[in-house]
């Protein structure tokens, strides 16, 4: 009983905060001067605050896999549609702008899925909604998986959901080819064992397994760890923060969290 009362009070407070932020944003949009960098900063800060305030009040529960159960076996290059069911377990409706976002760029397989899939409807508290993503199975045999999560603007909410499939060989020739590749690897391992003792120094490999495949490109070096994202630096420059070295230092210090960096830069401007 107490938990329910606390949840209701928390939901009511979220609504008050959202109404307050929305009113400030509306006033800002009425007096917004596109030529004034300070107005750009104020508008950006209010928009981010609105996203955060709204996202704090949004709750989602994964209900079930509607299609493509885990471990489904598919032929290569097969189009398919994965559908999940979610329930709004909060006290606020989900805005129509809520989307399902692909989040496993490093440790997942996108399989032709878009970065964002719109929910395209307002979901009231207690209601359920199905969200579908159109995908294509990879060309090579193997186990593949991808992860998605609901988000409102840049803020994610609810439980992470996934798709896991097995791509099978479609012909005896392909199976024989895979067997030949395994045989070749075993032969190479045998040669290494015959030619290198435990005291023999082994040459360093030309690449390291586990490096972010999204960033590793044949013939090019991977970005230096901790290097600032150029898109984030450009975003800060567009907002009127033109000291790129200082911006890069703050981005590195706050792990690329542009919201924290903008807040800090605004504080620094007020102190000057």
C-alpha atoms as a PDB file:
ATOM      1  CA  UNK A   1       0.000   0.000   0.000  1.00  0.00           C
ATOM      2  CA  UNK A   2       2.801   2.382   0.950  1.00  0.00           C
ATOM      3  CA  UNK A   3       4.716   1.524  -2.250  1.00  0.00           C
ATOM      4  CA  UNK A   4       1.664   2.321  -4.352  1.00  0.00           C
ATOM      5  CA  UNK A   5       1.213   5.662  -2.565  1.00  0.00           C
ATOM      6  CA  UNK A   6       4.887   6.539  -3.041  1.00  0.00           C
ATOM      7  CA  UNK A   7       4.658   5.621  -6.723  1.00  0.00           C
ATOM      8  CA  UNK A   8       1.608   7.857  -7.163  1.00  0.00           C
ATOM      9  CA  UNK A   9       3.333  10.766  -5.407  1.00  0.00           C
ATOM     10  CA  UNK A  10       6.443  10.303  -7.530  1.00  0.00           C
ATOM     11  CA  UNK A  11       4.342  10.239 -10.706  1.00  0.00           C
ATOM     12  CA  UNK A  12       2.525  13.425  -9.671  1.00  0.00           C
ATOM     13  CA  UNK A  13       5.850  15.177  -9.020  1.00  0.00           C
ATOM     14  CA  UNK A  14       7.161  14.105 -12.424  1.00  0.00           C
ATOM     15  CA  UNK A  15       4.083  15.589 -14.058  1.00  0.00           C
ATOM     16  CA  UNK A  16       4.556  18.894 -12.212  1.00  0.00           C
ATOM     17  CA  UNK A  17       8.218  19.036 -13.245  1.00  0.00           C
ATOM     18  CA  UNK A  18       7.299  18.283 -16.853  1.00  0.00           C
ATOM     19  CA  UNK A  19       4.600  20.968 -16.970  1.00  0.00           C
ATOM     20  CA  UNK A  20       7.013  23.497 -15.482  1.00  0.00           C
ATOM     21  CA  UNK A  21       9.765  22.652 -17.970  1.00  0.00           C
ATOM     22  CA  UNK A  22       7.315  22.657 -20.899  1.00  0.00           C
ATOM     23  CA  UNK A  23       6.104  26.156 -19.982  1.00  0.00           C
ATOM     24  CA  UNK A  24       9.692  27.431 -19.845  1.00  0.00           C
ATOM     25  CA  UNK A  25      10.409  25.850 -23.229  1.00  0.00           C
ATOM     26  CA  UNK A  26       7.308  27.433 -24.774  1.00  0.00           C
ATOM     27  CA  UNK A  27       8.302  30.867 -23.475  1.00  0.00           C
ATOM     28  CA  UNK A  28      11.834  30.402 -24.788  1.00  0.00           C
ATOM     29  CA  UNK A  29      10.574  29.376 -28.232  1.00  0.00           C
ATOM     30  CA  UNK A  30       8.425  32.532 -28.442  1.00  0.00           C
ATOM     31  CA  UNK A  31      11.377  34.880 -27.864  1.00  0.00           C
ATOM     32  CA  UNK A  32      14.030  32.715 -29.539  1.00  0.00           C
ATOM     33  CA  UNK A  33      16.501  34.662 -31.700  1.00  0.00           C
ATOM     34  CA  UNK A  34      18.194  32.363 -34.266  1.00  0.00           C
ATOM     35  CA  UNK A  35      21.070  34.840 -34.569  1.00  0.00           C
ATOM     36  CA  UNK A  36      21.867  34.851 -30.841  1.00  0.00           C
ATOM     37  CA  UNK A  37      24.258  32.023 -29.723  1.00  0.00           C
ATOM     38  CA  UNK A  38      23.088  32.473 -26.120  1.00  0.00           C
ATOM     39  CA  UNK A  39      19.502  31.708 -27.152  1.00  0.00           C
ATOM     40  CA  UNK A  40      20.739  28.519 -28.880  1.00  0.00           C
ATOM     41  CA  UNK A  41      22.410  27.431 -25.632  1.00  0.00           C
ATOM     42  CA  UNK A  42      19.334  28.209 -23.523  1.00  0.00           C
ATOM     43  CA  UNK A  43      17.016  26.401 -25.932  1.00  0.00           C
ATOM     44  CA  UNK A  44      19.294  23.343 -26.091  1.00  0.00           C
ATOM     45  CA  UNK A  45      19.520  23.195 -22.301  1.00  0.00           C
ATOM     46  CA  UNK A  46      15.732  23.408 -21.891  1.00  0.00           C
ATOM     47  CA  UNK A  47      15.165  20.732 -24.543  1.00  0.00           C
ATOM     48  CA  UNK A  48      17.574  18.370 -22.783  1.00  0.00           C
ATOM     49  CA  UNK A  49      15.896  19.091 -19.444  1.00  0.00           C
ATOM     50  CA  UNK A  50      12.503  18.281 -20.961  1.00  0.00           C
ATOM     51  CA  UNK A  51      13.831  14.967 -22.320  1.00  0.00           C
ATOM     52  CA  UNK A  52      15.301  14.081 -18.920  1.00  0.00           C
ATOM     53  CA  UNK A  53      12.167  15.091 -16.995  1.00  0.00           C
ATOM     54  CA  UNK A  54       9.894  13.129 -19.310  1.00  0.00           C
ATOM     55  CA  UNK A  55      12.163  10.071 -19.469  1.00  0.00           C
ATOM     56  CA  UNK A  56      12.315   9.876 -15.641  1.00  0.00           C
ATOM     57  CA  UNK A  57       8.547   9.394 -15.621  1.00  0.00           C
ATOM     58  CA  UNK A  58       8.460   6.723 -18.346  1.00  0.00           C
ATOM     59  CA  UNK A  59       8.384   3.039 -17.402  1.00  0.00           C
ATOM     60  CA  UNK A  60       8.207   0.003 -19.682  1.00  0.00           C
ATOM     61  CA  UNK A  61       7.864  -3.732 -19.091  1.00  0.00           C
ATOM     62  CA  UNK A  62       8.861  -6.316 -21.672  1.00  0.00           C
ATOM     63  CA  UNK A  63       5.897  -8.692 -22.055  1.00  0.00           C
ATOM     64  CA  UNK A  64       6.946 -11.301 -24.633  1.00  0.00           C
ATOM     65  CA  UNK A  65       8.567 -12.143 -27.958  1.00  0.00           C
ATOM     66  CA  UNK A  66       5.702 -12.015 -30.456  1.00  0.00           C
ATOM     67  CA  UNK A  67       7.773 -13.407 -33.335  1.00  0.00           C
ATOM     68  CA  UNK A  68      11.151 -15.094 -33.966  1.00  0.00           C
ATOM     69  CA  UNK A  69      11.834 -16.966 -30.671  1.00  0.00           C
ATOM     70  CA  UNK A  70      15.424 -17.166 -29.415  1.00  0.00           C
ATOM     71  CA  UNK A  71      17.526 -19.630 -31.402  1.00  0.00           C
ATOM     72  CA  UNK A  72      15.341 -19.558 -34.519  1.00  0.00           C
ATOM     73  CA  UNK A  73      17.237 -21.138 -37.424  1.00  0.00           C
ATOM     74  CA  UNK A  74      17.286 -19.274 -40.731  1.00  0.00           C
ATOM     75  CA  UNK A  75      18.864 -19.538 -44.161  1.00  0.00           C
ATOM     76  CA  UNK A  76      21.385 -16.822 -45.119  1.00  0.00           C
ATOM     77  CA  UNK A  77      20.096 -13.495 -46.501  1.00  0.00           C
ATOM     78  CA  UNK A  78      16.529 -14.117 -45.326  1.00  0.00           C
ATOM     79  CA  UNK A  79      14.337 -11.045 -44.633  1.00  0.00           C
ATOM     80  CA  UNK A  80      12.343 -11.312 -41.401  1.00  0.00           C
ATOM     81  CA  UNK A  81      10.412  -9.164 -38.937  1.00  0.00           C
ATOM     82  CA  UNK A  82      11.105  -9.331 -35.214  1.00  0.00           C
ATOM     83  CA  UNK A  83       8.294  -8.134 -32.936  1.00  0.00           C
ATOM     84  CA  UNK A  84       8.332  -7.489 -29.177  1.00  0.00           C
ATOM     85  CA  UNK A  85       5.424  -6.586 -26.893  1.00  0.00           C
ATOM     86  CA  UNK A  86       5.813  -3.897 -24.221  1.00  0.00           C
ATOM     87  CA  UNK A  87       3.508  -2.557 -21.500  1.00  0.00           C
ATOM     88  CA  UNK A  88       3.457   0.992 -20.117  1.00  0.00           C
ATOM     89  CA  UNK A  89       3.831   0.446 -16.374  1.00  0.00           C
ATOM     90  CA  UNK A  90       4.190   4.120 -15.485  1.00  0.00           C
ATOM     91  CA  UNK A  91       1.686   6.819 -14.612  1.00  0.00           C
ATOM     92  CA  UNK A  92       2.358   8.926 -17.710  1.00  0.00           C
ATOM     93  CA  UNK A  93       1.483   8.203 -21.360  1.00  0.00           C
ATOM     94  CA  UNK A  94       4.427   7.505 -23.641  1.00  0.00           C
ATOM     95  CA  UNK A  95       4.808  10.395 -26.091  1.00  0.00           C
ATOM     96  CA  UNK A  96       4.346   9.593 -29.765  1.00  0.00           C
ATOM     97  CA  UNK A  97       8.049  10.340 -30.301  1.00  0.00           C
ATOM     98  CA  UNK A  98       9.163   7.252 -28.318  1.00  0.00           C
ATOM     99  CA  UNK A  99      11.332   4.948 -30.438  1.00  0.00           C
ATOM    100  CA  UNK A 100      13.031   1.546 -30.195  1.00  0.00           C
ATOM    101  CA  UNK A 101      16.792   2.072 -30.571  1.00  0.00           C
ATOM    102  CA  UNK A 102      19.487  -0.376 -31.697  1.00  0.00           C
ATOM    103  CA  UNK A 103      22.057  -0.303 -28.855  1.00  0.00           C
ATOM    104  CA  UNK A 104      24.552  -3.123 -29.542  1.00  0.00           C
ATOM    105  CA  UNK A 105      26.895  -1.461 -32.046  1.00  0.00           C
ATOM    106  CA  UNK A 106      29.989  -3.004 -30.449  1.00  0.00           C
ATOM    107  CA  UNK A 107      28.919  -6.444 -29.256  1.00  0.00           C
ATOM    108  CA  UNK A 108      25.949  -7.120 -31.533  1.00  0.00           C
ATOM    109  CA  UNK A 109      24.912  -7.660 -35.137  1.00  0.00           C
ATOM    110  CA  UNK A 110      22.636  -5.031 -36.674  1.00  0.00           C
ATOM    111  CA  UNK A 111      21.431  -7.372 -39.458  1.00  0.00           C
ATOM    112  CA  UNK A 112      20.022  -4.548 -41.563  1.00  0.00           C
ATOM    113  CA  UNK A 113      17.961  -3.038 -38.721  1.00  0.00           C
ATOM    114  CA  UNK A 114      17.546   0.757 -38.665  1.00  0.00           C
ATOM    115  CA  UNK A 115      19.084   2.774 -35.835  1.00  0.00           C
ATOM    116  CA  UNK A 116      15.620   3.824 -34.601  1.00  0.00           C
ATOM    117  CA  UNK A 117      12.114   2.402 -35.101  1.00  0.00           C
ATOM    118  CA  UNK A 118       9.246   4.745 -34.139  1.00  0.00           C
ATOM    119  CA  UNK A 119       6.466   3.422 -31.921  1.00  0.00           C
ATOM    120  CA  UNK A 120       4.163   5.896 -33.729  1.00  0.00           C
ATOM    121  CA  UNK A 121       1.437   5.945 -31.112  1.00  0.00           C
ATOM    122  CA  UNK A 122       0.672   7.364 -27.690  1.00  0.00           C
ATOM    123  CA  UNK A 123       0.675   4.472 -25.188  1.00  0.00           C
ATOM    124  CA  UNK A 124      -1.457   5.110 -22.127  1.00  0.00           C
ATOM    125  CA  UNK A 125      -0.595   3.698 -18.664  1.00  0.00           C
ATOM    126  CA  UNK A 126      -1.442  -0.011 -18.534  1.00  0.00           C
ATOM    127  CA  UNK A 127      -1.682  -0.370 -22.311  1.00  0.00           C
ATOM    128  CA  UNK A 128       0.444  -2.791 -24.346  1.00  0.00           C
ATOM    129  CA  UNK A 129       2.028  -2.136 -27.728  1.00  0.00           C
ATOM    130  CA  UNK A 130       3.845  -4.294 -30.302  1.00  0.00           C
ATOM    131  CA  UNK A 131       7.011  -2.874 -31.868  1.00  0.00           C
ATOM    132  CA  UNK A 132       8.477  -4.514 -34.994  1.00  0.00           C
ATOM    133  CA  UNK A 133      11.879  -4.258 -36.655  1.00  0.00           C
ATOM    134  CA  UNK A 134      12.545  -5.420 -40.228  1.00  0.00           C
ATOM    135  CA  UNK A 135      15.871  -7.259 -40.519  1.00  0.00           C
ATOM    136  CA  UNK A 136      17.841  -9.595 -42.818  1.00  0.00           C
ATOM    137  CA  UNK A 137      19.819 -12.641 -41.673  1.00  0.00           C
ATOM    138  CA  UNK A 138      23.594 -12.465 -42.353  1.00  0.00           C
ATOM    139  CA  UNK A 139      25.168 -14.163 -45.378  1.00  0.00           C
ATOM    140  CA  UNK A 140      27.451 -16.493 -43.416  1.00  0.00           C
ATOM    141  CA  UNK A 141      26.529 -19.334 -41.079  1.00  0.00           C
ATOM    142  CA  UNK A 142      26.812 -18.635 -37.365  1.00  0.00           C
ATOM    143  CA  UNK A 143      25.081 -17.369 -34.216  1.00  0.00           C
ATOM    144  CA  UNK A 144      23.913 -13.735 -34.289  1.00  0.00           C
ATOM    145  CA  UNK A 145      22.279 -11.404 -31.790  1.00  0.00           C
ATOM    146  CA  UNK A 146      21.224  -7.755 -31.509  1.00  0.00           C
ATOM    147  CA  UNK A 147      19.952  -5.636 -28.609  1.00  0.00           C
ATOM    148  CA  UNK A 148      17.387  -2.840 -28.557  1.00  0.00           C
ATOM    149  CA  UNK A 149      15.885  -0.493 -25.968  1.00  0.00           C
ATOM    150  CA  UNK A 150      13.059   2.028 -25.852  1.00  0.00           C
ATOM    151  CA  UNK A 151      14.089   5.674 -25.725  1.00  0.00           C
ATOM    152  CA  UNK A 152      12.638   9.166 -25.674  1.00  0.00           C
ATOM    153  CA  UNK A 153      15.019  11.541 -27.381  1.00  0.00           C
ATOM    154  CA  UNK A 154      18.507  10.630 -26.125  1.00  0.00           C
ATOM    155  CA  UNK A 155      17.212   9.034 -22.906  1.00  0.00           C
ATOM    156  CA  UNK A 156      16.667   5.259 -22.745  1.00  0.00           C
ATOM    157  CA  UNK A 157      14.103   3.622 -20.478  1.00  0.00           C
ATOM    158  CA  UNK A 158      12.631   0.193 -19.770  1.00  0.00           C
ATOM    159  CA  UNK A 159      14.201  -3.223 -20.146  1.00  0.00           C
ATOM    160  CA  UNK A 160      16.653  -4.170 -22.879  1.00  0.00           C
ATOM    161  CA  UNK A 161      15.281  -6.637 -25.462  1.00  0.00           C
ATOM    162  CA  UNK A 162      17.090  -8.794 -28.011  1.00  0.00           C
ATOM    163  CA  UNK A 163      16.949 -10.994 -31.094  1.00  0.00           C
ATOM    164  CA  UNK A 164      19.037 -14.185 -31.279  1.00  0.00           C
ATOM    165  CA  UNK A 165      19.130 -16.348 -34.415  1.00  0.00           C
ATOM    166  CA  UNK A 166      21.185 -19.145 -35.944  1.00  0.00           C
ATOM    167  CA  UNK A 167      22.099 -18.934 -39.622  1.00  0.00           C
ATOM    168  CA  UNK A 168      22.524 -22.429 -41.091  1.00  0.00           C
ATOM    169  CA  UNK A 169      24.421 -23.674 -44.166  1.00  0.00           C
ATOM    170  CA  UNK A 170      22.107 -23.990 -47.156  1.00  0.00           C
ATOM    171  CA  UNK A 171      24.059 -26.529 -49.190  1.00  0.00           C
ATOM    172  CA  UNK A 172      26.503 -29.400 -48.905  1.00  0.00           C
ATOM    173  CA  UNK A 173      29.071 -27.297 -50.791  1.00  0.00           C
ATOM    174  CA  UNK A 174      28.895 -24.561 -48.148  1.00  0.00           C
ATOM    175  CA  UNK A 175      29.187 -27.142 -45.359  1.00  0.00           C
ATOM    176  CA  UNK A 176      32.209 -28.697 -47.062  1.00  0.00           C
ATOM    177  CA  UNK A 177      33.752 -25.236 -47.434  1.00  0.00           C
ATOM    178  CA  UNK A 178      33.327 -24.618 -43.690  1.00  0.00           C
ATOM    179  CA  UNK A 179      34.911 -28.019 -42.972  1.00  0.00           C
ATOM    180  CA  UNK A 180      37.877 -27.102 -45.212  1.00  0.00           C
ATOM    181  CA  UNK A 181      38.332 -23.812 -43.330  1.00  0.00           C
ATOM    182  CA  UNK A 182      38.354 -25.657 -39.986  1.00  0.00           C
ATOM    183  CA  UNK A 183      40.843 -28.180 -41.418  1.00  0.00           C
ATOM    184  CA  UNK A 184      43.107 -25.356 -42.634  1.00  0.00           C
ATOM    185  CA  UNK A 185      43.050 -23.700 -39.210  1.00  0.00           C
ATOM    186  CA  UNK A 186      43.989 -27.009 -37.550  1.00  0.00           C
ATOM    187  CA  UNK A 187      46.867 -27.485 -40.025  1.00  0.00           C
ATOM    188  CA  UNK A 188      48.180 -23.985 -39.264  1.00  0.00           C
ATOM    189  CA  UNK A 189      47.935 -24.691 -35.518  1.00  0.00           C
ATOM    190  CA  UNK A 190      49.896 -27.919 -36.066  1.00  0.00           C
ATOM    191  CA  UNK A 191      52.638 -26.057 -37.965  1.00  0.00           C
ATOM    192  CA  UNK A 192      52.876 -23.483 -35.194  1.00  0.00           C
ATOM    193  CA  UNK A 193      53.177 -26.221 -32.570  1.00  0.00           C
ATOM    194  CA  UNK A 194      55.923 -27.967 -34.623  1.00  0.00           C
ATOM    195  CA  UNK A 195      57.976 -24.841 -35.289  1.00  0.00           C
ATOM    196  CA  UNK A 196      57.693 -22.937 -32.018  1.00  0.00           C
ATOM    197  CA  UNK A 197      58.729 -24.164 -28.614  1.00  0.00           C
ATOM    198  CA  UNK A 198      57.555 -22.580 -25.395  1.00  0.00           C
ATOM    199  CA  UNK A 199      60.771 -20.525 -25.375  1.00  0.00           C
ATOM    200  CA  UNK A 200      60.402 -19.223 -28.940  1.00  0.00           C
ATOM    201  CA  UNK A 201      59.148 -15.621 -29.168  1.00  0.00           C
ATOM    202  CA  UNK A 202      55.963 -15.432 -31.261  1.00  0.00           C
ATOM    203  CA  UNK A 203      55.557 -12.422 -33.618  1.00  0.00           C
ATOM    204  CA  UNK A 204      52.846  -9.979 -32.573  1.00  0.00           C
ATOM    205  CA  UNK A 205      49.637 -10.275 -34.626  1.00  0.00           C
ATOM    206  CA  UNK A 206      48.727  -7.500 -37.060  1.00  0.00           C
ATOM    207  CA  UNK A 207      45.394  -7.008 -35.291  1.00  0.00           C
ATOM    208  CA  UNK A 208      43.900  -7.741 -31.878  1.00  0.00           C
ATOM    209  CA  UNK A 209      40.738  -9.790 -31.548  1.00  0.00           C
ATOM    210  CA  UNK A 210      38.007  -8.051 -29.616  1.00  0.00           C
ATOM    211  CA  UNK A 211      38.735  -4.568 -30.979  1.00  0.00           C
ATOM    212  CA  UNK A 212      35.529  -2.690 -31.751  1.00  0.00           C
ATOM    213  CA  UNK A 213      34.596  -4.107 -35.167  1.00  0.00           C
ATOM    214  CA  UNK A 214      32.580  -0.988 -35.903  1.00  0.00           C
ATOM    215  CA  UNK A 215      35.749   1.118 -35.728  1.00  0.00           C
ATOM    216  CA  UNK A 216      38.264  -1.310 -37.201  1.00  0.00           C
ATOM    217  CA  UNK A 217      38.566  -0.741 -40.962  1.00  0.00           C
ATOM    218  CA  UNK A 218      40.946  -2.658 -43.209  1.00  0.00           C
ATOM    219  CA  UNK A 219      44.014  -0.582 -43.990  1.00  0.00           C
ATOM    220  CA  UNK A 220      43.319   2.105 -41.385  1.00  0.00           C
ATOM    221  CA  UNK A 221      44.340   2.503 -37.775  1.00  0.00           C
ATOM    222  CA  UNK A 222      41.722   2.382 -35.058  1.00  0.00           C
ATOM    223  CA  UNK A 223      41.010   5.719 -33.319  1.00  0.00           C
ATOM    224  CA  UNK A 224      43.126   6.539 -30.304  1.00  0.00           C
ATOM    225  CA  UNK A 225      41.363   5.626 -27.076  1.00  0.00           C
ATOM    226  CA  UNK A 226      39.895   8.696 -25.382  1.00  0.00           C
ATOM    227  CA  UNK A 227      39.998  10.851 -28.539  1.00  0.00           C
ATOM    228  CA  UNK A 228      37.034  13.290 -28.548  1.00  0.00           C
ATOM    229  CA  UNK A 229      34.135  12.629 -30.902  1.00  0.00           C
ATOM    230  CA  UNK A 230      34.355  15.191 -33.723  1.00  0.00           C
ATOM    231  CA  UNK A 231      30.563  15.303 -33.993  1.00  0.00           C
ATOM    232  CA  UNK A 232      30.319  16.296 -30.309  1.00  0.00           C
ATOM    233  CA  UNK A 233      33.000  18.963 -30.784  1.00  0.00           C
ATOM    234  CA  UNK A 234      31.070  20.334 -33.776  1.00  0.00           C
ATOM    235  CA  UNK A 235      27.845  20.332 -31.746  1.00  0.00           C
ATOM    236  CA  UNK A 236      29.521  22.368 -28.997  1.00  0.00           C
ATOM    237  CA  UNK A 237      30.933  24.742 -31.626  1.00  0.00           C
ATOM    238  CA  UNK A 238      27.443  25.215 -33.114  1.00  0.00           C
ATOM    239  CA  UNK A 239      26.204  26.101 -29.631  1.00  0.00           C
ATOM    240  CA  UNK A 240      28.790  28.889 -29.452  1.00  0.00           C
ATOM    241  CA  UNK A 241      31.510  27.126 -27.423  1.00  0.00           C
ATOM    242  CA  UNK A 242      34.434  27.733 -29.795  1.00  0.00           C
ATOM    243  CA  UNK A 243      37.442  26.715 -27.668  1.00  0.00           C
ATOM    244  CA  UNK A 244      37.867  23.228 -29.199  1.00  0.00           C
ATOM    245  CA  UNK A 245      40.870  22.286 -27.021  1.00  0.00           C
ATOM    246  CA  UNK A 246      38.960  23.126 -23.850  1.00  0.00           C
ATOM    247  CA  UNK A 247      35.840  21.362 -25.148  1.00  0.00           C
ATOM    248  CA  UNK A 248      37.873  18.263 -26.045  1.00  0.00           C
ATOM    249  CA  UNK A 249      39.397  18.214 -22.561  1.00  0.00           C
ATOM    250  CA  UNK A 250      35.944  18.392 -20.908  1.00  0.00           C
ATOM    251  CA  UNK A 251      34.507  15.683 -23.185  1.00  0.00           C
ATOM    252  CA  UNK A 252      37.397  13.377 -22.304  1.00  0.00           C
ATOM    253  CA  UNK A 253      36.985  14.191 -18.605  1.00  0.00           C
ATOM    254  CA  UNK A 254      33.235  13.383 -18.653  1.00  0.00           C
ATOM    255  CA  UNK A 255      33.403  10.368 -21.005  1.00  0.00           C
ATOM    256  CA  UNK A 256      31.656  12.186 -23.864  1.00  0.00           C
ATOM    257  CA  UNK A 257      28.569  13.221 -21.839  1.00  0.00           C
ATOM    258  CA  UNK A 258      27.678  16.392 -23.764  1.00  0.00           C
ATOM    259  CA  UNK A 259      24.893  17.357 -21.317  1.00  0.00           C
ATOM    260  CA  UNK A 260      27.355  17.544 -18.407  1.00  0.00           C
ATOM    261  CA  UNK A 261      29.888  19.416 -20.568  1.00  0.00           C
ATOM    262  CA  UNK A 262      27.307  22.034 -21.659  1.00  0.00           C
ATOM    263  CA  UNK A 263      26.238  22.568 -18.039  1.00  0.00           C
ATOM    264  CA  UNK A 264      29.865  23.050 -16.974  1.00  0.00           C
ATOM    265  CA  UNK A 265      30.588  25.451 -19.842  1.00  0.00           C
ATOM    266  CA  UNK A 266      27.535  27.540 -18.952  1.00  0.00           C
ATOM    267  CA  UNK A 267      28.671  27.705 -15.319  1.00  0.00           C
ATOM    268  CA  UNK A 268      32.142  28.779 -16.429  1.00  0.00           C
ATOM    269  CA  UNK A 269      30.646  31.536 -18.617  1.00  0.00           C
ATOM    270  CA  UNK A 270      28.634  32.872 -15.694  1.00  0.00           C
ATOM    271  CA  UNK A 271      31.772  32.965 -13.530  1.00  0.00           C
ATOM    272  CA  UNK A 272      33.722  35.011 -16.085  1.00  0.00           C
END
